[in-house]
Amino acid sequence: MTLVELVGAVLSAWGVWLTARRRPWCWPVGLVSVLVYTWVFVDAKLYSDALLQLAFAALIIYGWYRWLQHMGADGRVQVAPLPPQRALLHLAIGSLGALALGAFMHHHTDAALPWLDAALTAFSLVAQWWQAKRHAAAWWLWIVVDVIYVGEYVYKHLLITSVLYAGFVGLAIIGLRAWQHADEGATQPGNCP
């Protein structure tokens, strides 16, 4: 599984790097990476993570479509603000999803870490939704989720993936700064959002 995991890691890192740079090619690269990682996570009995990859595939198609509708003249997606009330609603939905998925995985599967895996899955979906909607706030959530994922993957002996997620934390910090800068530029007088 190490070679498959390595291929998935390289594709995932490339996709996140493209996302941080607001390039629409992040979506097809990401689609291939999530399909590879579905296989990796099923093999590791991280079923919520495997389901997450399939949900990501659907969100990737949606995000790619949304981004192509909001491209700037520089070939990069335009960043959109996230209203605080909507952020709280999405986080509440993520919490409910985490509880429901965790309970299901705990009672009906042999999942290795049902509650943690479910929570990370739910909040990753929120972050991916925010990414598709072009919100810089997605990067904050990715930072938190990815830090916790590093520990989970070390525990499950998915060392390549744990290194990948440590790299994701760094890429998320880069993405946060770049997207915040783009968001500030869009709200300056004379610029269109």
N, C-alpha and C. Protein backbone atom coordinates (compact mmCIF):
# COMPACT_ATOMS: atom_id res chain seq x y z
N MET A 1 0.81 -1.20 0.00
CA MET A 1 0.00 0.00 0.00
C MET A 1 0.86 1.26 0.00
N THR A 2 2.13 1.15 0.34
CA THR A 2 2.98 2.32 0.46
C THR A 2 3.11 3.07 -0.87
N LEU A 3 3.23 2.39 -2.00
CA LEU A 3 3.34 3.07 -3.29
C LEU A 3 2.04 3.80 -3.62
N VAL A 4 0.91 3.16 -3.39
CA VAL A 4 -0.38 3.80 -3.65
C VAL A 4 -0.54 5.02 -2.74
N GLU A 5 -0.16 4.86 -1.47
CA GLU A 5 -0.24 5.97 -0.53
C GLU A 5 0.67 7.12 -0.97
N LEU A 6 1.87 6.79 -1.46
CA LEU A 6 2.80 7.82 -1.93
C LEU A 6 2.24 8.58 -3.13
N VAL A 7 1.64 7.85 -4.09
CA VAL A 7 1.03 8.49 -5.26
C VAL A 7 -0.11 9.42 -4.80
N GLY A 8 -0.95 8.94 -3.90
CA GLY A 8 -2.03 9.76 -3.38
C GLY A 8 -1.51 11.00 -2.67
N ALA A 9 -0.42 10.85 -1.91
CA ALA A 9 0.16 11.98 -1.18
C ALA A 9 0.69 13.04 -2.14
N VAL A 10 1.40 12.62 -3.16
CA VAL A 10 1.95 13.58 -4.13
C VAL A 10 0.83 14.33 -4.84
N LEU A 11 -0.18 13.59 -5.29
CA LEU A 11 -1.31 14.24 -5.96
C LEU A 11 -2.05 15.19 -5.02
N SER A 12 -2.25 14.77 -3.79
CA SER A 12 -2.95 15.61 -2.82
C SER A 12 -2.18 16.90 -2.54
N ALA A 13 -0.88 16.77 -2.34
CA ALA A 13 -0.06 17.97 -2.07
C ALA A 13 -0.10 18.92 -3.25
N TRP A 14 -0.02 18.39 -4.45
CA TRP A 14 -0.09 19.22 -5.65
C TRP A 14 -1.43 19.94 -5.73
N GLY A 15 -2.51 19.20 -5.46
CA GLY A 15 -3.85 19.80 -5.49
C GLY A 15 -4.01 20.91 -4.46
N VAL A 16 -3.52 20.70 -3.24
CA VAL A 16 -3.63 21.73 -2.21
C VAL A 16 -2.77 22.94 -2.57
N TRP A 17 -1.60 22.71 -3.12
CA TRP A 17 -0.74 23.82 -3.55
C TRP A 17 -1.46 24.66 -4.60
N LEU A 18 -2.09 24.00 -5.57
CA LEU A 18 -2.85 24.72 -6.59
C LEU A 18 -4.02 25.48 -5.98
N THR A 19 -4.66 24.89 -4.97
CA THR A 19 -5.78 25.55 -4.30
C THR A 19 -5.29 26.80 -3.58
N ALA A 20 -4.18 26.69 -2.87
CA ALA A 20 -3.62 27.84 -2.16
C ALA A 20 -3.33 28.99 -3.12
N ARG A 21 -2.97 28.65 -4.36
CA ARG A 21 -2.68 29.66 -5.38
C ARG A 21 -3.93 30.09 -6.15
N ARG A 22 -5.10 29.53 -5.74
CA ARG A 22 -6.41 29.86 -6.34
C ARG A 22 -6.48 29.48 -7.81
N ARG A 23 -5.85 28.39 -8.18
CA ARG A 23 -5.85 27.91 -9.56
C ARG A 23 -6.90 26.81 -9.73
N PRO A 24 -7.74 26.89 -10.77
CA PRO A 24 -8.83 25.92 -10.94
C PRO A 24 -8.36 24.50 -11.25
N TRP A 25 -7.10 24.32 -11.64
CA TRP A 25 -6.60 22.96 -11.89
C TRP A 25 -6.51 22.14 -10.61
N CYS A 26 -6.69 22.81 -9.45
CA CYS A 26 -6.67 22.08 -8.19
C CYS A 26 -7.77 21.02 -8.16
N TRP A 27 -8.88 21.29 -8.84
CA TRP A 27 -10.03 20.39 -8.76
C TRP A 27 -9.81 19.06 -9.48
N PRO A 28 -9.35 19.01 -10.73
CA PRO A 28 -9.14 17.68 -11.33
C PRO A 28 -8.00 16.91 -10.67
N VAL A 29 -6.95 17.62 -10.25
CA VAL A 29 -5.86 16.95 -9.53
C VAL A 29 -6.41 16.38 -8.23
N GLY A 30 -7.22 17.16 -7.54
CA GLY A 30 -7.83 16.71 -6.29
C GLY A 30 -8.73 15.51 -6.49
N LEU A 31 -9.45 15.48 -7.59
CA LEU A 31 -10.35 14.36 -7.87
C LEU A 31 -9.58 13.05 -7.97
N VAL A 32 -8.49 13.06 -8.69
CA VAL A 32 -7.68 11.84 -8.81
C VAL A 32 -7.12 11.45 -7.44
N SER A 33 -6.66 12.44 -6.68
CA SER A 33 -6.06 12.13 -5.37
C SER A 33 -7.08 11.51 -4.42
N VAL A 34 -8.32 12.00 -4.41
CA VAL A 34 -9.30 11.43 -3.48
C VAL A 34 -9.70 10.01 -3.89
N LEU A 35 -9.69 9.72 -5.16
CA LEU A 35 -9.98 8.35 -5.59
C LEU A 35 -8.88 7.39 -5.14
N VAL A 36 -7.64 7.84 -5.23
CA VAL A 36 -6.52 7.01 -4.75
C VAL A 36 -6.63 6.80 -3.24
N TYR A 37 -6.92 7.89 -2.52
CA TYR A 37 -6.98 7.79 -1.07
C TYR A 37 -8.19 7.00 -0.57
N THR A 38 -9.23 6.88 -1.34
CA THR A 38 -10.35 6.02 -0.95
C THR A 38 -9.84 4.60 -0.73
N TRP A 39 -9.02 4.14 -1.64
CA TRP A 39 -8.44 2.80 -1.55
C TRP A 39 -7.53 2.69 -0.32
N VAL A 40 -6.69 3.68 -0.08
CA VAL A 40 -5.77 3.66 1.06
C VAL A 40 -6.55 3.55 2.37
N PHE A 41 -7.61 4.34 2.52
CA PHE A 41 -8.34 4.37 3.78
C PHE A 41 -9.18 3.12 4.01
N VAL A 42 -9.72 2.54 2.96
CA VAL A 42 -10.44 1.27 3.13
C VAL A 42 -9.48 0.21 3.64
N ASP A 43 -8.28 0.17 3.06
CA ASP A 43 -7.28 -0.80 3.49
C ASP A 43 -6.88 -0.60 4.96
N ALA A 44 -6.88 0.67 5.44
CA ALA A 44 -6.51 0.97 6.83
C ALA A 44 -7.70 0.88 7.79
N LYS A 45 -8.89 0.52 7.29
CA LYS A 45 -10.11 0.44 8.07
C LYS A 45 -10.49 1.79 8.68
N LEU A 46 -10.19 2.86 7.96
CA LEU A 46 -10.64 4.20 8.34
C LEU A 46 -11.81 4.52 7.41
N TYR A 47 -12.96 3.91 7.73
CA TYR A 47 -14.09 3.96 6.82
C TYR A 47 -14.70 5.36 6.67
N SER A 48 -14.70 6.13 7.76
CA SER A 48 -15.21 7.49 7.63
C SER A 48 -14.32 8.29 6.68
N ASP A 49 -13.02 8.08 6.77
CA ASP A 49 -12.11 8.76 5.84
C ASP A 49 -12.35 8.30 4.41
N ALA A 50 -12.63 7.02 4.22
CA ALA A 50 -12.92 6.53 2.87
C ALA A 50 -14.20 7.16 2.33
N LEU A 51 -15.24 7.22 3.18
CA LEU A 51 -16.48 7.89 2.77
C LEU A 51 -16.24 9.37 2.49
N LEU A 52 -15.37 9.97 3.30
CA LEU A 52 -15.03 11.37 3.09
C LEU A 52 -14.46 11.59 1.69
N GLN A 53 -13.61 10.68 1.25
CA GLN A 53 -13.00 10.83 -0.07
C GLN A 53 -14.07 10.81 -1.16
N LEU A 54 -15.07 9.95 -1.00
CA LEU A 54 -16.16 9.90 -1.99
C LEU A 54 -17.00 11.17 -1.95
N ALA A 55 -17.24 11.69 -0.73
CA ALA A 55 -17.96 12.97 -0.62
C ALA A 55 -17.12 14.09 -1.22
N PHE A 56 -15.81 14.04 -0.99
CA PHE A 56 -14.92 15.04 -1.60
C PHE A 56 -15.03 15.00 -3.12
N ALA A 57 -15.14 13.81 -3.69
CA ALA A 57 -15.25 13.71 -5.15
C ALA A 57 -16.45 14.51 -5.65
N ALA A 58 -17.58 14.37 -4.97
CA ALA A 58 -18.77 15.13 -5.36
C ALA A 58 -18.56 16.63 -5.15
N LEU A 59 -17.97 17.00 -4.02
CA LEU A 59 -17.72 18.42 -3.75
C LEU A 59 -16.68 19.01 -4.69
N ILE A 60 -15.76 18.20 -5.13
CA ILE A 60 -14.74 18.66 -6.08
C ILE A 60 -15.40 19.04 -7.40
N ILE A 61 -16.31 18.22 -7.86
CA ILE A 61 -17.01 18.53 -9.11
C ILE A 61 -17.80 19.82 -8.94
N TYR A 62 -18.48 19.98 -7.81
CA TYR A 62 -19.23 21.20 -7.54
C TYR A 62 -18.29 22.41 -7.44
N GLY A 63 -17.19 22.26 -6.69
CA GLY A 63 -16.25 23.36 -6.51
C GLY A 63 -15.63 23.81 -7.81
N TRP A 64 -15.28 22.85 -8.65
CA TRP A 64 -14.69 23.17 -9.95
C TRP A 64 -15.68 24.00 -10.78
N TYR A 65 -16.93 23.59 -10.79
CA TYR A 65 -17.98 24.32 -11.49
C TYR A 65 -18.12 25.74 -10.93
N ARG A 66 -18.20 25.87 -9.59
CA ARG A 66 -18.36 27.18 -8.94
C ARG A 66 -17.18 28.10 -9.24
N TRP A 67 -15.98 27.55 -9.14
CA TRP A 67 -14.79 28.38 -9.34
C TRP A 67 -14.74 28.90 -10.77
N LEU A 68 -15.08 28.07 -11.72
CA LEU A 68 -15.01 28.51 -13.12
C LEU A 68 -15.98 29.66 -13.39
N GLN A 69 -17.00 29.81 -12.57
CA GLN A 69 -17.95 30.92 -12.72
C GLN A 69 -17.45 32.21 -12.07
N HIS A 70 -16.38 32.12 -11.28
CA HIS A 70 -15.90 33.28 -10.51
C HIS A 70 -14.40 33.49 -10.68
N MET A 71 -13.95 33.44 -11.92
CA MET A 71 -12.53 33.62 -12.19
C MET A 71 -12.22 35.09 -12.41
N GLY A 72 -11.09 35.52 -11.88
CA GLY A 72 -10.63 36.88 -12.11
C GLY A 72 -9.86 36.96 -13.42
N ALA A 73 -9.53 38.16 -13.82
CA ALA A 73 -8.77 38.37 -15.05
C ALA A 73 -7.38 37.75 -14.98
N ASP A 74 -6.87 37.54 -13.76
CA ASP A 74 -5.54 36.95 -13.58
C ASP A 74 -5.55 35.42 -13.63
N GLY A 75 -6.71 34.82 -13.92
CA GLY A 75 -6.80 33.36 -13.99
C GLY A 75 -6.94 32.68 -12.64
N ARG A 76 -7.21 33.45 -11.60
CA ARG A 76 -7.37 32.91 -10.26
C ARG A 76 -8.81 33.14 -9.80
N VAL A 77 -9.28 32.25 -8.94
CA VAL A 77 -10.64 32.40 -8.44
C VAL A 77 -10.73 33.62 -7.52
N GLN A 78 -11.87 34.27 -7.54
CA GLN A 78 -12.12 35.41 -6.66
C GLN A 78 -12.59 34.88 -5.30
N VAL A 79 -12.06 35.44 -4.24
CA VAL A 79 -12.40 35.03 -2.88
C VAL A 79 -13.69 35.73 -2.46
N ALA A 80 -14.54 35.01 -1.71
CA ALA A 80 -15.82 35.55 -1.24
C ALA A 80 -15.86 35.51 0.29
N PRO A 81 -16.43 36.53 0.93
CA PRO A 81 -16.50 36.53 2.40
C PRO A 81 -17.50 35.48 2.91
N LEU A 82 -17.27 35.02 4.13
CA LEU A 82 -18.17 34.07 4.80
C LEU A 82 -18.84 34.80 5.97
N PRO A 83 -20.16 35.03 5.88
CA PRO A 83 -20.86 35.69 6.99
C PRO A 83 -20.76 34.84 8.28
N PRO A 84 -20.53 35.47 9.43
CA PRO A 84 -20.36 34.73 10.68
C PRO A 84 -21.55 33.81 11.02
N GLN A 85 -22.79 34.26 10.75
CA GLN A 85 -23.95 33.42 11.06
C GLN A 85 -23.93 32.14 10.22
N ARG A 86 -23.53 32.25 8.97
CA ARG A 86 -23.46 31.08 8.11
C ARG A 86 -22.35 30.14 8.58
N ALA A 87 -21.22 30.71 9.00
CA ALA A 87 -20.12 29.89 9.52
C ALA A 87 -20.57 29.09 10.73
N LEU A 88 -21.28 29.73 11.66
CA LEU A 88 -21.77 29.04 12.86
C LEU A 88 -22.77 27.94 12.49
N LEU A 89 -23.65 28.22 11.55
CA LEU A 89 -24.61 27.22 11.10
C LEU A 89 -23.88 26.00 10.51
N HIS A 90 -22.90 26.24 9.66
CA HIS A 90 -22.16 25.14 9.04
C HIS A 90 -21.39 24.34 10.09
N LEU A 91 -20.82 25.01 11.08
CA LEU A 91 -20.10 24.30 12.14
C LEU A 91 -21.07 23.47 13.00
N ALA A 92 -22.26 23.98 13.23
CA ALA A 92 -23.28 23.22 13.98
C ALA A 92 -23.69 21.98 13.19
N ILE A 93 -23.89 22.14 11.89
CA ILE A 93 -24.23 20.99 11.04
C ILE A 93 -23.09 19.98 11.05
N GLY A 94 -21.86 20.47 11.01
CA GLY A 94 -20.70 19.58 11.08
C GLY A 94 -20.66 18.80 12.39
N SER A 95 -21.00 19.46 13.49
CA SER A 95 -21.03 18.79 14.80
C SER A 95 -22.08 17.69 14.84
N LEU A 96 -23.27 17.99 14.32
CA LEU A 96 -24.33 16.97 14.28
C LEU A 96 -23.93 15.80 13.38
N GLY A 97 -23.32 16.13 12.24
CA GLY A 97 -22.85 15.08 11.35
C GLY A 97 -21.80 14.20 12.00
N ALA A 98 -20.90 14.82 12.76
CA ALA A 98 -19.85 14.07 13.46
C ALA A 98 -20.46 13.09 14.46
N LEU A 99 -21.45 13.56 15.22
CA LEU A 99 -22.09 12.69 16.21
C LEU A 99 -22.83 11.53 15.54
N ALA A 100 -23.57 11.83 14.48
CA ALA A 100 -24.34 10.79 13.79
C ALA A 100 -23.41 9.76 13.14
N LEU A 101 -22.40 10.23 12.43
CA LEU A 101 -21.48 9.30 11.76
C LEU A 101 -20.67 8.52 12.78
N GLY A 102 -20.23 9.19 13.84
CA GLY A 102 -19.47 8.50 14.89
C GLY A 102 -20.27 7.39 15.54
N ALA A 103 -21.54 7.66 15.84
CA ALA A 103 -22.40 6.64 16.45
C ALA A 103 -22.59 5.47 15.51
N PHE A 104 -22.81 5.76 14.24
CA PHE A 104 -22.99 4.67 13.27
C PHE A 104 -21.72 3.83 13.17
N MET A 105 -20.59 4.48 13.00
CA MET A 105 -19.33 3.74 12.85
C MET A 105 -18.98 2.95 14.12
N HIS A 106 -19.28 3.51 15.28
CA HIS A 106 -19.00 2.84 16.55
C HIS A 106 -19.84 1.57 16.72
N HIS A 107 -21.11 1.65 16.35
CA HIS A 107 -22.03 0.55 16.62
C HIS A 107 -22.14 -0.47 15.48
N HIS A 108 -21.77 -0.09 14.26
CA HIS A 108 -22.05 -0.96 13.12
C HIS A 108 -20.84 -1.36 12.29
N THR A 109 -19.64 -0.93 12.67
CA THR A 109 -18.44 -1.29 11.89
C THR A 109 -17.31 -1.64 12.84
N ASP A 110 -16.22 -2.09 12.26
CA ASP A 110 -15.01 -2.33 13.03
C ASP A 110 -14.01 -1.18 12.86
N ALA A 111 -14.54 0.02 12.67
CA ALA A 111 -13.70 1.21 12.47
C ALA A 111 -12.70 1.35 13.61
N ALA A 112 -11.49 1.73 13.25
CA ALA A 112 -10.41 1.83 14.23
C ALA A 112 -10.62 2.98 15.22
N LEU A 113 -11.01 4.13 14.75
CA LEU A 113 -11.19 5.32 15.59
C LEU A 113 -12.51 5.99 15.19
N PRO A 114 -13.64 5.36 15.52
CA PRO A 114 -14.91 5.81 14.95
C PRO A 114 -15.29 7.26 15.27
N TRP A 115 -15.10 7.69 16.50
CA TRP A 115 -15.55 9.04 16.88
C TRP A 115 -14.61 10.12 16.33
N LEU A 116 -13.33 9.92 16.49
CA LEU A 116 -12.36 10.90 15.98
C LEU A 116 -12.43 10.97 14.46
N ASP A 117 -12.45 9.82 13.83
CA ASP A 117 -12.50 9.76 12.37
C ASP A 117 -13.76 10.44 11.84
N ALA A 118 -14.89 10.22 12.53
CA ALA A 118 -16.15 10.83 12.12
C ALA A 118 -16.11 12.35 12.28
N ALA A 119 -15.55 12.83 13.38
CA ALA A 119 -15.47 14.28 13.60
C ALA A 119 -14.58 14.93 12.54
N LEU A 120 -13.44 14.32 12.27
CA LEU A 120 -12.55 14.88 11.26
C LEU A 120 -13.21 14.85 9.88
N THR A 121 -13.95 13.80 9.62
CA THR A 121 -14.68 13.70 8.35
C THR A 121 -15.70 14.82 8.22
N ALA A 122 -16.50 15.01 9.25
CA ALA A 122 -17.56 16.02 9.20
C ALA A 122 -16.99 17.42 9.01
N PHE A 123 -15.95 17.75 9.77
CA PHE A 123 -15.40 19.10 9.67
C PHE A 123 -14.56 19.28 8.41
N SER A 124 -14.03 18.21 7.87
CA SER A 124 -13.37 18.30 6.57
C SER A 124 -14.39 18.62 5.48
N LEU A 125 -15.57 18.06 5.60
CA LEU A 125 -16.63 18.38 4.63
C LEU A 125 -17.04 19.85 4.72
N VAL A 126 -17.10 20.37 5.93
CA VAL A 126 -17.42 21.80 6.09
C VAL A 126 -16.32 22.63 5.44
N ALA A 127 -15.07 22.29 5.71
CA ALA A 127 -13.95 23.03 5.13
C ALA A 127 -13.96 22.94 3.60
N GLN A 128 -14.25 21.76 3.08
CA GLN A 128 -14.30 21.59 1.62
C GLN A 128 -15.45 22.39 1.02
N TRP A 129 -16.58 22.46 1.70
CA TRP A 129 -17.72 23.26 1.25
C TRP A 129 -17.32 24.73 1.20
N TRP A 130 -16.66 25.17 2.26
CA TRP A 130 -16.21 26.56 2.28
C TRP A 130 -15.20 26.83 1.16
N GLN A 131 -14.35 25.86 0.89
CA GLN A 131 -13.37 26.02 -0.20
C GLN A 131 -14.10 26.16 -1.54
N ALA A 132 -15.09 25.32 -1.76
CA ALA A 132 -15.86 25.39 -3.00
C ALA A 132 -16.59 26.73 -3.12
N LYS A 133 -17.02 27.28 -1.99
CA LYS A 133 -17.71 28.56 -1.97
C LYS A 133 -16.75 29.74 -1.97
N ARG A 134 -15.45 29.46 -2.00
CA ARG A 134 -14.40 30.46 -2.15
C ARG A 134 -14.15 31.29 -0.90
N HIS A 135 -14.37 30.71 0.29
CA HIS A 135 -14.20 31.42 1.56
C HIS A 135 -12.80 31.18 2.13
N ALA A 136 -12.09 32.26 2.45
CA ALA A 136 -10.77 32.15 3.06
C ALA A 136 -10.83 31.44 4.41
N ALA A 137 -11.96 31.51 5.10
CA ALA A 137 -12.13 30.86 6.40
C ALA A 137 -11.89 29.35 6.32
N ALA A 138 -12.05 28.78 5.15
CA ALA A 138 -11.79 27.34 4.98
C ALA A 138 -10.40 26.97 5.46
N TRP A 139 -9.45 27.86 5.21
CA TRP A 139 -8.05 27.55 5.59
C TRP A 139 -7.89 27.43 7.10
N TRP A 140 -8.60 28.25 7.88
CA TRP A 140 -8.52 28.12 9.34
C TRP A 140 -8.98 26.74 9.79
N LEU A 141 -10.10 26.30 9.22
CA LEU A 141 -10.63 24.99 9.59
C LEU A 141 -9.71 23.88 9.12
N TRP A 142 -9.13 24.03 7.92
CA TRP A 142 -8.17 23.02 7.45
C TRP A 142 -6.97 22.92 8.38
N ILE A 143 -6.49 24.03 8.90
CA ILE A 143 -5.33 23.99 9.79
C ILE A 143 -5.65 23.14 11.01
N VAL A 144 -6.78 23.39 11.65
CA VAL A 144 -7.16 22.64 12.85
C VAL A 144 -7.34 21.16 12.52
N VAL A 145 -8.10 20.86 11.49
CA VAL A 145 -8.38 19.47 11.12
C VAL A 145 -7.09 18.74 10.75
N ASP A 146 -6.23 19.38 9.97
CA ASP A 146 -5.01 18.72 9.50
C ASP A 146 -4.04 18.43 10.64
N VAL A 147 -3.95 19.32 11.62
CA VAL A 147 -3.09 19.06 12.78
C VAL A 147 -3.55 17.78 13.50
N ILE A 148 -4.86 17.64 13.67
CA ILE A 148 -5.39 16.44 14.35
C ILE A 148 -5.20 15.20 13.47
N TYR A 149 -5.38 15.36 12.16
CA TYR A 149 -5.16 14.23 11.25
C TYR A 149 -3.73 13.70 11.35
N VAL A 150 -2.75 14.57 11.51
CA VAL A 150 -1.37 14.11 11.62
C VAL A 150 -1.25 13.07 12.73
N GLY A 151 -1.81 13.39 13.89
CA GLY A 151 -1.76 12.45 15.01
C GLY A 151 -2.50 11.15 14.73
N GLU A 152 -3.65 11.26 14.09
CA GLU A 152 -4.42 10.04 13.77
C GLU A 152 -3.64 9.14 12.84
N TYR A 153 -3.02 9.71 11.83
CA TYR A 153 -2.31 8.90 10.85
C TYR A 153 -1.01 8.33 11.40
N VAL A 154 -0.35 9.04 12.31
CA VAL A 154 0.82 8.46 12.98
C VAL A 154 0.36 7.25 13.79
N TYR A 155 -0.74 7.39 14.52
CA TYR A 155 -1.29 6.31 15.32
C TYR A 155 -1.63 5.09 14.46
N LYS A 156 -2.15 5.31 13.26
CA LYS A 156 -2.53 4.22 12.35
C LYS A 156 -1.37 3.75 11.47
N HIS A 157 -0.17 4.27 11.71
CA HIS A 157 1.03 3.88 10.96
C HIS A 157 0.95 4.20 9.47
N LEU A 158 0.22 5.25 9.14
CA LEU A 158 0.18 5.77 7.77
C LEU A 158 1.17 6.94 7.74
N LEU A 159 2.45 6.59 7.76
CA LEU A 159 3.48 7.60 7.96
C LEU A 159 3.58 8.57 6.79
N ILE A 160 3.47 8.07 5.57
CA ILE A 160 3.51 8.97 4.41
C ILE A 160 2.35 9.97 4.50
N THR A 161 1.20 9.46 4.86
CA THR A 161 0.02 10.33 4.95
C THR A 161 0.16 11.31 6.11
N SER A 162 0.77 10.90 7.21
CA SER A 162 0.96 11.83 8.32
C SER A 162 1.92 12.95 7.93
N VAL A 163 2.97 12.63 7.19
CA VAL A 163 3.88 13.66 6.69
C VAL A 163 3.15 14.57 5.72
N LEU A 164 2.32 13.98 4.85
CA LEU A 164 1.52 14.76 3.92
C LEU A 164 0.66 15.77 4.67
N TYR A 165 -0.03 15.32 5.71
CA TYR A 165 -0.92 16.22 6.44
C TYR A 165 -0.15 17.27 7.23
N ALA A 166 1.05 16.96 7.68
CA ALA A 166 1.90 18.00 8.28
C ALA A 166 2.23 19.05 7.23
N GLY A 167 2.50 18.59 6.01
CA GLY A 167 2.72 19.53 4.90
C GLY A 167 1.47 20.32 4.58
N PHE A 168 0.30 19.68 4.70
CA PHE A 168 -0.97 20.38 4.47
C PHE A 168 -1.14 21.55 5.45
N VAL A 169 -0.67 21.37 6.69
CA VAL A 169 -0.77 22.46 7.66
C VAL A 169 0.01 23.67 7.14
N GLY A 170 1.23 23.42 6.66
CA GLY A 170 2.03 24.51 6.09
C GLY A 170 1.37 25.12 4.86
N LEU A 171 0.85 24.28 3.97
CA LEU A 171 0.16 24.79 2.78
C LEU A 171 -1.10 25.57 3.16
N ALA A 172 -1.79 25.12 4.21
CA ALA A 172 -2.99 25.84 4.65
C ALA A 172 -2.64 27.22 5.18
N ILE A 173 -1.51 27.34 5.87
CA ILE A 173 -1.07 28.65 6.34
C ILE A 173 -0.75 29.55 5.15
N ILE A 174 -0.06 29.00 4.16
CA ILE A 174 0.23 29.76 2.94
C ILE A 174 -1.06 30.15 2.23
N GLY A 175 -1.98 29.20 2.11
CA GLY A 175 -3.27 29.47 1.47
C GLY A 175 -4.06 30.53 2.21
N LEU A 176 -4.07 30.45 3.54
CA LEU A 176 -4.79 31.44 4.35
C LEU A 176 -4.27 32.85 4.07
N ARG A 177 -2.97 32.98 4.10
CA ARG A 177 -2.37 34.31 3.86
C ARG A 177 -2.69 34.81 2.46
N ALA A 178 -2.54 33.94 1.47
CA ALA A 178 -2.79 34.35 0.08
C ALA A 178 -4.25 34.71 -0.13
N TRP A 179 -5.16 33.91 0.42
CA TRP A 179 -6.58 34.16 0.23
C TRP A 179 -7.02 35.40 1.00
N GLN A 180 -6.47 35.61 2.19
CA GLN A 180 -6.81 36.82 2.94
C GLN A 180 -6.33 38.05 2.17
N HIS A 181 -5.15 37.98 1.61
CA HIS A 181 -4.62 39.09 0.82
C HIS A 181 -5.52 39.35 -0.40
N ALA A 182 -5.94 38.28 -1.07
CA ALA A 182 -6.83 38.43 -2.23
C ALA A 182 -8.17 39.00 -1.81
N ASP A 183 -8.68 38.58 -0.64
CA ASP A 183 -9.96 39.07 -0.14
C ASP A 183 -9.88 40.55 0.20
N GLU A 184 -8.76 40.97 0.79
CA GLU A 184 -8.56 42.38 1.11
C GLU A 184 -8.50 43.21 -0.17
N GLY A 185 -7.82 42.71 -1.19
CA GLY A 185 -7.73 43.43 -2.45
C GLY A 185 -9.06 43.56 -3.13
N ALA A 186 -9.93 42.55 -2.98
CA ALA A 186 -11.25 42.59 -3.61
C ALA A 186 -12.17 43.59 -2.96
N THR A 187 -11.93 43.90 -1.68
CA THR A 187 -12.83 44.82 -0.98
C THR A 187 -12.32 46.26 -0.99
N GLN A 188 -11.21 46.51 -1.65
CA GLN A 188 -10.70 47.88 -1.78
C GLN A 188 -11.58 48.66 -2.73
N PRO A 189 -11.71 49.97 -2.53
CA PRO A 189 -12.52 50.78 -3.44
C PRO A 189 -12.05 50.62 -4.89
N GLY A 190 -13.00 50.50 -5.79
CA GLY A 190 -12.68 50.37 -7.21
C GLY A 190 -12.49 48.96 -7.68
N ASN A 191 -12.51 47.97 -6.75
CA ASN A 191 -12.37 46.57 -7.14
C ASN A 191 -13.72 45.88 -7.03
N CYS A 192 -13.99 44.99 -7.95
CA CYS A 192 -15.25 44.23 -7.94
C CYS A 192 -15.03 42.94 -7.18
N PRO A 193 -15.96 42.52 -6.31
CA PRO A 193 -15.81 41.25 -5.60
C PRO A 193 -16.04 40.06 -6.52
